[in-house]
Amino acid sequence: MLDRPPPDPSKLLSQWMEWEKGEETPGRVMANLKTGGLRELLEQLVSVQQEQASA
């Protein structure tokens, strides 16, 4: 696995907004979100949500 910094939610949102504003193509945005760590961020959020639900 590559050594990558942790996902930056602000950067991911900015990349998403580029697509919503029509500034970037969906394919490019998906690639940016993937390399930016969107999956890891979502996995973290789901883990926290599950922990809170079981508490």
C-alpha atoms as a PDB file:
ATOM      1  CA  MET A   1       0.000   0.000   0.000  1.00  0.00           C
ATOM      2  CA  LEU A   2       1.205   3.465  -0.815  1.00  0.00           C
ATOM      3  CA  ASP A   3       2.054   5.859   1.973  1.00  0.00           C
ATOM      4  CA  ARG A   4      -0.584   8.547   1.628  1.00  0.00           C
ATOM      5  CA  PRO A   5      -1.612  11.299   3.967  1.00  0.00           C
ATOM      6  CA  PRO A   6      -4.982  10.886   5.669  1.00  0.00           C
ATOM      7  CA  PRO A   7      -8.020  12.027   3.687  1.00  0.00           C
ATOM      8  CA  ASP A   8      -8.686  15.764   3.765  1.00  0.00           C
ATOM      9  CA  PRO A   9     -12.477  16.278   3.903  1.00  0.00           C
ATOM     10  CA  SER A  10     -12.177  19.907   2.772  1.00  0.00           C
ATOM     11  CA  LYS A  11     -10.173  18.942  -0.288  1.00  0.00           C
ATOM     12  CA  LEU A  12     -12.548  16.096  -1.138  1.00  0.00           C
ATOM     13  CA  LEU A  13     -15.533  18.437  -0.885  1.00  0.00           C
ATOM     14  CA  SER A  14     -13.775  20.971  -3.088  1.00  0.00           C
ATOM     15  CA  GLN A  15     -13.173  18.302  -5.721  1.00  0.00           C
ATOM     16  CA  TRP A  16     -16.813  17.223  -5.537  1.00  0.00           C
ATOM     17  CA  MET A  17     -17.965  20.819  -5.952  1.00  0.00           C
ATOM     18  CA  GLU A  18     -15.850  21.162  -9.113  1.00  0.00           C
ATOM     19  CA  TRP A  19     -18.071  18.506 -10.664  1.00  0.00           C
ATOM     20  CA  GLU A  20     -21.306  20.024  -9.357  1.00  0.00           C
ATOM     21  CA  LYS A  21     -20.339  23.399 -10.819  1.00  0.00           C
ATOM     22  CA  GLY A  22     -19.523  21.775 -14.162  1.00  0.00           C
ATOM     23  CA  GLU A  23     -15.838  22.638 -13.907  1.00  0.00           C
ATOM     24  CA  GLU A  24     -14.649  19.029 -14.092  1.00  0.00           C
ATOM     25  CA  THR A  25     -15.803  15.808 -15.724  1.00  0.00           C
ATOM     26  CA  PRO A  26     -17.315  13.035 -13.592  1.00  0.00           C
ATOM     27  CA  GLY A  27     -14.494  10.646 -14.489  1.00  0.00           C
ATOM     28  CA  ARG A  28     -11.801  13.071 -13.380  1.00  0.00           C
ATOM     29  CA  VAL A  29     -13.671  13.822 -10.164  1.00  0.00           C
ATOM     30  CA  MET A  30     -14.063  10.135  -9.348  1.00  0.00           C
ATOM     31  CA  ALA A  31     -10.338   9.600  -9.922  1.00  0.00           C
ATOM     32  CA  ASN A  32      -9.519  12.557  -7.667  1.00  0.00           C
ATOM     33  CA  LEU A  33     -11.881  11.345  -4.945  1.00  0.00           C
ATOM     34  CA  LYS A  34     -10.389   7.854  -5.104  1.00  0.00           C
ATOM     35  CA  THR A  35      -6.795   9.016  -4.838  1.00  0.00           C
ATOM     36  CA  GLY A  36      -7.818  11.604  -2.239  1.00  0.00           C
ATOM     37  CA  GLY A  37      -9.028   8.892   0.126  1.00  0.00           C
ATOM     38  CA  LEU A  38     -12.817   9.168  -0.057  1.00  0.00           C
ATOM     39  CA  ARG A  39     -13.238   5.452   0.617  1.00  0.00           C
ATOM     40  CA  GLU A  40     -11.077   5.631   3.720  1.00  0.00           C
ATOM     41  CA  LEU A  41     -12.970   8.675   4.977  1.00  0.00           C
ATOM     42  CA  LEU A  42     -16.325   6.954   4.477  1.00  0.00           C
ATOM     43  CA  GLU A  43     -15.068   3.809   6.211  1.00  0.00           C
ATOM     44  CA  GLN A  44     -13.988   5.911   9.200  1.00  0.00           C
ATOM     45  CA  LEU A  45     -17.367   7.629   9.363  1.00  0.00           C
ATOM     46  CA  VAL A  46     -19.248   4.323   9.209  1.00  0.00           C
ATOM     47  CA  SER A  47     -17.040   2.905  11.958  1.00  0.00           C
ATOM     48  CA  VAL A  48     -17.720   5.873  14.235  1.00  0.00           C
ATOM     49  CA  GLN A  49     -21.445   5.699  13.489  1.00  0.00           C
ATOM     50  CA  GLN A  50     -21.535   1.996  14.337  1.00  0.00           C
ATOM     51  CA  GLU A  51     -19.648   2.577  17.574  1.00  0.00           C
ATOM     52  CA  GLN A  52     -22.089   5.308  18.586  1.00  0.00           C
ATOM     53  CA  ALA A  53     -25.074   3.134  17.737  1.00  0.00           C
ATOM     54  CA  SER A  54     -23.794   0.278  19.898  1.00  0.00           C
ATOM     55  CA  ALA A  55     -22.988   2.488  22.890  1.00  0.00           C
END
